């Protein structure tokens, strides 16, 4: 992989799109992003067996840098991998949006970027603005989000907002201070943000149904709930400077946590420090395109 350096503007924002088999929604997501003031758009494809890659390739936009893993990386790991790449290319901030969030949310995404421009370090979305009725499972998940934000003394400013749910954005300052593992366990990013006196704010509001994320089967809903609650338990332990745990009473809330490929995240992080064939094997850039910044 040849790396070239070109002159470029000082300010640069990036978008990271975790995607696994999102052929039905990826073009709609990219449609929202392509009209935003972004210098890099980084889909992180992992375990795709459909036409997601081909659809992204059909868009002739030089801002697209595709990170491609043939194996699934697990929930939230793609977010961290994309963020590390963007930070290495000297981004001023990263917008995160999942590959299945195909709603017409361009204005909301722009509000998140504007928050970064106004020195917000962690810009969140309120995805529960007007809901009066929730399922028992959703209420349980929200209970732990409530407890974490309250423990962090952020409840009055964030309400139930969390980097776990909905598009959000991080400044370069936040990306440099937060450990990669905290990006892969989103509630931990709030803990590290608080400990480092980062500016955290709810920058926009999107009712969950307006994201147009497809409904999943009951097993998935249960596993997601266990993942989020377990993540919140780890974050609550971190706030109190206690050993991290996902245990609640007699139950260990794992959910999808065991499927997170922290080993590949570590390998990616190390390879970015000393570029090698591991980066080349997983990075797809158009032949006539030059990187705005060198990796080395």
Protein backbone atom coordinates (compact mmCIF):
# COMPACT_ATOMS: atom_id res chain seq x y z
CA UNK A 1 0.00 0.00 0.00
CA UNK A 2 1.61 3.28 -1.08
CA UNK A 3 1.03 6.23 1.24
CA UNK A 4 1.29 9.73 -0.17
CA UNK A 5 1.04 13.12 1.51
CA UNK A 6 -0.93 16.00 0.02
CA UNK A 7 -1.55 19.51 1.24
CA UNK A 8 -4.89 19.75 3.01
CA UNK A 9 -7.05 21.87 5.25
CA UNK A 10 -6.31 21.97 8.95
CA UNK A 11 -9.81 20.94 10.03
CA UNK A 12 -11.07 17.51 9.17
CA UNK A 13 -14.07 15.50 10.31
CA UNK A 14 -14.61 11.82 9.63
CA UNK A 15 -17.50 9.38 9.77
CA UNK A 16 -17.20 5.75 10.84
CA UNK A 17 -19.88 3.25 9.77
CA UNK A 18 -19.85 -0.21 11.33
CA UNK A 19 -21.59 -2.52 8.85
CA UNK A 20 -22.36 -6.23 8.70
CA UNK A 21 -24.63 -7.35 5.86
CA UNK A 22 -26.28 -3.95 5.40
CA UNK A 23 -27.03 -4.09 1.66
CA UNK A 24 -30.62 -2.94 2.29
CA UNK A 25 -29.62 0.23 4.11
CA UNK A 26 -26.00 1.18 3.40
CA UNK A 27 -26.76 3.42 0.40
CA UNK A 28 -29.32 5.40 2.41
CA UNK A 29 -26.78 5.84 5.22
CA UNK A 30 -24.13 7.02 2.76
CA UNK A 31 -26.63 9.39 1.13
CA UNK A 32 -26.91 11.22 4.45
CA UNK A 33 -23.15 11.31 4.93
CA UNK A 34 -22.04 12.34 1.45
CA UNK A 35 -23.65 15.78 1.79
CA UNK A 36 -22.05 16.49 5.16
CA UNK A 37 -18.78 18.43 5.63
CA UNK A 38 -16.70 15.28 6.00
CA UNK A 39 -13.18 14.65 4.73
CA UNK A 40 -13.22 10.91 5.34
CA UNK A 41 -16.03 8.35 5.29
CA UNK A 42 -14.89 5.05 6.77
CA UNK A 43 -17.19 2.02 6.45
CA UNK A 44 -15.89 -0.80 8.64
CA UNK A 45 -17.18 -4.01 7.08
CA UNK A 46 -16.92 -7.15 9.14
CA UNK A 47 -18.24 -10.58 8.33
CA UNK A 48 -20.25 -9.36 5.33
CA UNK A 49 -21.59 -12.11 3.07
CA UNK A 50 -23.96 -9.94 1.02
CA UNK A 51 -23.41 -7.07 -1.45
CA UNK A 52 -22.54 -4.34 1.06
CA UNK A 53 -18.99 -3.97 -0.26
CA UNK A 54 -20.09 -3.88 -3.91
CA UNK A 55 -22.69 -1.20 -3.18
CA UNK A 56 -20.14 1.01 -1.44
CA UNK A 57 -17.75 0.47 -4.36
CA UNK A 58 -20.44 1.76 -6.71
CA UNK A 59 -20.09 5.25 -5.22
CA UNK A 60 -17.22 7.16 -6.91
CA UNK A 61 -16.33 9.34 -3.93
CA UNK A 62 -12.65 9.71 -3.00
CA UNK A 63 -13.50 10.25 0.66
CA UNK A 64 -14.40 6.58 1.07
CA UNK A 65 -11.80 4.50 2.87
CA UNK A 66 -13.13 0.99 3.43
CA UNK A 67 -11.83 -1.18 6.25
CA UNK A 68 -12.76 -4.77 5.48
CA UNK A 69 -12.57 -7.84 7.72
CA UNK A 70 -13.91 -11.12 6.39
CA UNK A 71 -14.68 -12.32 9.92
CA UNK A 72 -17.21 -10.73 12.30
CA UNK A 73 -15.54 -8.39 14.79
CA UNK A 74 -18.35 -8.38 17.31
CA UNK A 75 -20.48 -5.49 18.51
CA UNK A 76 -18.76 -2.08 18.83
CA UNK A 77 -15.27 -3.31 17.88
CA UNK A 78 -15.68 -1.92 14.31
CA UNK A 79 -16.41 1.48 15.83
CA UNK A 80 -13.11 1.45 17.70
CA UNK A 81 -11.16 0.19 14.68
CA UNK A 82 -12.54 2.95 12.46
CA UNK A 83 -11.90 5.60 15.11
CA UNK A 84 -8.26 4.58 15.51
CA UNK A 85 -7.76 4.82 11.75
CA UNK A 86 -9.38 8.25 11.59
CA UNK A 87 -7.28 9.47 14.51
CA UNK A 88 -4.12 8.24 12.82
CA UNK A 89 -5.08 10.31 9.78
CA UNK A 90 -5.29 13.34 12.08
CA UNK A 91 -9.04 13.82 12.17
CA UNK A 92 -10.52 16.62 14.28
CA UNK A 93 -13.49 14.47 15.21
CA UNK A 94 -15.44 11.37 14.29
CA UNK A 95 -19.14 10.91 13.67
CA UNK A 96 -20.40 7.38 14.36
CA UNK A 97 -23.47 5.95 12.64
CA UNK A 98 -24.42 2.30 12.25
CA UNK A 99 -24.86 0.85 8.78
CA UNK A 100 -28.54 0.12 9.40
CA UNK A 101 -29.58 3.65 10.48
CA UNK A 102 -31.18 4.55 7.16
CA UNK A 103 -33.60 7.24 8.34
CA UNK A 104 -33.61 10.76 6.94
CA UNK A 105 -31.42 12.12 9.77
CA UNK A 106 -29.04 14.38 7.85
CA UNK A 107 -29.94 17.44 9.98
CA UNK A 108 -29.28 15.50 13.18
CA UNK A 109 -25.90 14.28 11.95
CA UNK A 110 -25.00 17.84 11.04
CA UNK A 111 -25.94 18.98 14.55
CA UNK A 112 -23.52 16.43 16.00
CA UNK A 113 -20.72 17.79 13.80
CA UNK A 114 -21.60 21.35 14.78
CA UNK A 115 -21.27 20.33 18.42
CA UNK A 116 -17.71 19.17 17.72
CA UNK A 117 -17.00 22.51 16.06
CA UNK A 118 -18.21 24.18 19.26
CA UNK A 119 -15.67 22.31 21.41
CA UNK A 120 -17.94 19.49 22.58
CA UNK A 121 -15.87 16.33 23.10
CA UNK A 122 -18.64 13.73 23.35
CA UNK A 123 -21.80 14.69 21.44
CA UNK A 124 -24.76 12.36 22.00
CA UNK A 125 -28.23 11.75 20.62
CA UNK A 126 -31.36 11.53 22.76
CA UNK A 127 -33.23 8.57 21.25
CA UNK A 128 -36.04 8.58 23.83
CA UNK A 129 -37.51 12.08 23.64
CA UNK A 130 -41.25 11.39 23.73
CA UNK A 131 -41.76 7.71 24.58
CA UNK A 132 -44.40 7.08 27.24
CA UNK A 133 -44.53 3.28 27.03
CA UNK A 134 -41.65 0.83 26.82
CA UNK A 135 -41.29 -2.92 27.06
CA UNK A 136 -40.12 -4.44 30.35
CA UNK A 137 -36.79 -5.31 28.75
CA UNK A 138 -36.29 -1.76 27.47
CA UNK A 139 -37.18 -0.37 30.90
CA UNK A 140 -34.57 -2.61 32.51
CA UNK A 141 -31.87 -1.42 30.11
CA UNK A 142 -32.85 2.21 30.67
CA UNK A 143 -32.68 1.68 34.44
CA UNK A 144 -28.96 0.92 34.18
CA UNK A 145 -28.33 3.82 31.83
CA UNK A 146 -30.08 6.04 34.35
CA UNK A 147 -27.95 4.66 37.19
CA UNK A 148 -24.70 5.22 35.28
CA UNK A 149 -25.49 8.78 34.22
CA UNK A 150 -26.59 9.57 37.77
CA UNK A 151 -23.40 8.06 39.25
CA UNK A 152 -21.38 10.22 36.84
CA UNK A 153 -23.39 13.29 37.90
CA UNK A 154 -24.42 13.71 34.28
CA UNK A 155 -28.10 12.83 34.57
CA UNK A 156 -29.17 16.48 34.65
CA UNK A 157 -27.39 17.20 31.37
CA UNK A 158 -27.65 13.87 29.51
CA UNK A 159 -30.88 12.35 30.77
CA UNK A 160 -30.91 8.82 29.32
CA UNK A 161 -28.61 9.60 26.39
CA UNK A 162 -25.68 7.22 25.90
CA UNK A 163 -23.05 6.47 23.24
CA UNK A 164 -24.55 2.97 23.11
CA UNK A 165 -27.66 4.18 21.32
CA UNK A 166 -27.95 6.36 18.25
CA UNK A 167 -25.45 8.40 16.21
CA UNK A 168 -22.86 10.26 18.25
CA UNK A 169 -19.55 12.03 17.77
CA UNK A 170 -16.19 12.30 19.52
CA UNK A 171 -13.59 15.02 19.24
CA UNK A 172 -9.95 14.26 18.46
CA UNK A 173 -9.17 15.24 22.05
CA UNK A 174 -11.55 12.56 23.30
CA UNK A 175 -10.22 9.95 20.87
CA UNK A 176 -6.67 10.62 22.03
CA UNK A 177 -7.57 10.28 25.71
CA UNK A 178 -10.02 7.36 25.62
CA UNK A 179 -8.55 3.84 25.57
CA UNK A 180 -9.63 1.89 22.45
CA UNK A 181 -11.40 -0.61 24.70
CA UNK A 182 -13.71 2.14 25.94
CA UNK A 183 -14.86 2.80 22.38
CA UNK A 184 -15.71 -0.90 22.11
CA UNK A 185 -17.59 -0.80 25.44
CA UNK A 186 -19.42 2.51 24.92
CA UNK A 187 -20.52 3.29 28.51
CA UNK A 188 -16.86 3.26 29.51
CA UNK A 189 -16.25 6.22 27.22
CA UNK A 190 -18.52 8.32 29.44
CA UNK A 191 -16.52 7.27 32.49
CA UNK A 192 -13.18 8.18 30.93
CA UNK A 193 -14.71 11.36 29.56
CA UNK A 194 -15.80 12.40 33.03
CA UNK A 195 -12.43 11.50 34.57
CA UNK A 196 -10.65 13.59 31.93
CA UNK A 197 -13.02 16.58 32.28
CA UNK A 198 -14.21 16.27 28.69
CA UNK A 199 -17.21 18.29 27.59
CA UNK A 200 -20.20 15.97 27.17
CA UNK A 201 -23.49 17.17 25.68
CA UNK A 202 -26.70 15.97 24.07
CA UNK A 203 -26.47 17.63 20.66
CA UNK A 204 -29.58 16.33 18.91
CA UNK A 205 -32.76 14.32 19.40
CA UNK A 206 -34.03 11.45 17.23
CA UNK A 207 -36.96 9.23 18.26
CA UNK A 208 -35.69 5.66 17.99
CA UNK A 209 -38.16 4.71 15.24
CA UNK A 210 -36.87 7.53 13.03
CA UNK A 211 -33.49 5.81 12.79
CA UNK A 212 -35.30 3.14 10.70
CA UNK A 213 -33.10 0.41 12.15
CA UNK A 214 -34.80 -2.92 11.34
CA UNK A 215 -36.49 -4.85 14.11
CA UNK A 216 -34.59 -7.94 15.22
CA UNK A 217 -35.69 -11.27 16.64
CA UNK A 218 -36.37 -11.71 20.37
CA UNK A 219 -33.12 -13.55 21.03
CA UNK A 220 -31.17 -10.63 19.61
CA UNK A 221 -33.13 -8.16 21.75
CA UNK A 222 -32.35 -10.22 24.84
CA UNK A 223 -28.65 -10.48 23.98
CA UNK A 224 -28.40 -6.76 23.24
CA UNK A 225 -30.05 -5.97 26.58
CA UNK A 226 -27.59 -8.24 28.40
CA UNK A 227 -24.69 -6.63 26.52
CA UNK A 228 -25.73 -3.09 27.39
CA UNK A 229 -26.50 -3.87 31.04
CA UNK A 230 -23.20 -5.72 31.39
CA UNK A 231 -21.39 -2.77 29.81
CA UNK A 232 -23.10 -0.41 32.28
CA UNK A 233 -22.06 -2.65 35.18
CA UNK A 234 -18.44 -2.45 34.00
CA UNK A 235 -18.74 1.33 33.74
CA UNK A 236 -20.28 1.64 37.21
CA UNK A 237 -17.41 -0.41 38.64
CA UNK A 238 -14.92 1.82 36.83
CA UNK A 239 -16.51 4.97 38.28
CA UNK A 240 -15.95 3.54 41.74
CA UNK A 241 -12.39 2.43 40.86
CA UNK A 242 -13.37 -1.19 41.46
CA UNK A 243 -12.41 -4.25 39.39
CA UNK A 244 -14.49 -4.38 36.22
CA UNK A 245 -17.31 -6.89 36.40
CA UNK A 246 -20.41 -7.88 34.44
CA UNK A 247 -21.92 -9.72 37.39
CA UNK A 248 -25.23 -8.75 38.95
CA UNK A 249 -26.16 -10.91 41.91
CA UNK A 250 -25.75 -14.50 40.74
CA UNK A 251 -25.88 -13.61 37.05
CA UNK A 252 -23.06 -12.69 34.69
CA UNK A 253 -24.51 -10.53 31.95
CA UNK A 254 -22.46 -11.35 28.88
CA UNK A 255 -24.79 -10.98 25.91
CA UNK A 256 -22.63 -10.45 22.82
CA UNK A 257 -19.58 -9.41 24.87
CA UNK A 258 -17.67 -12.69 24.32
CA UNK A 259 -17.89 -12.14 20.55
CA UNK A 260 -16.00 -8.85 20.71
CA UNK A 261 -12.64 -9.35 18.99
CA UNK A 262 -10.41 -7.37 21.29
CA UNK A 263 -7.47 -9.35 19.91
CA UNK A 264 -8.01 -7.92 16.42
CA UNK A 265 -8.56 -4.44 17.86
CA UNK A 266 -5.20 -4.71 19.60
CA UNK A 267 -3.52 -6.00 16.45
CA UNK A 268 -5.02 -3.15 14.42
CA UNK A 269 -3.91 -0.58 17.00
CA UNK A 270 -0.34 -1.89 17.00
CA UNK A 271 -0.21 -2.04 13.20
CA UNK A 272 -1.25 1.61 12.92
CA UNK A 273 1.76 2.56 15.04
CA UNK A 274 4.10 0.70 12.67
CA UNK A 275 2.27 0.27 9.36
CA UNK A 276 2.61 -3.25 8.00
CA UNK A 277 0.83 -5.77 5.83
CA UNK A 278 -1.99 -6.17 8.36
CA UNK A 279 -3.21 -2.67 7.48
CA UNK A 280 -2.79 -3.32 3.76
CA UNK A 281 -4.78 -6.55 3.99
CA UNK A 282 -7.81 -4.79 5.49
CA UNK A 283 -7.83 -1.35 3.85
CA UNK A 284 -9.46 -0.68 0.49
CA UNK A 285 -8.82 2.68 -1.19
CA UNK A 286 -9.44 3.63 -4.81
CA UNK A 287 -6.34 3.25 -7.00
CA UNK A 288 -6.32 6.92 -8.03
CA UNK A 289 -6.76 8.19 -4.49
CA UNK A 290 -4.12 9.60 -2.16
CA UNK A 291 -4.33 9.67 1.60
CA UNK A 292 -4.67 13.16 3.03
CA UNK A 293 -2.17 12.25 5.73
CA UNK A 294 0.51 9.59 5.96
CA UNK A 295 0.07 6.62 8.29
CA UNK A 296 3.73 6.73 9.25
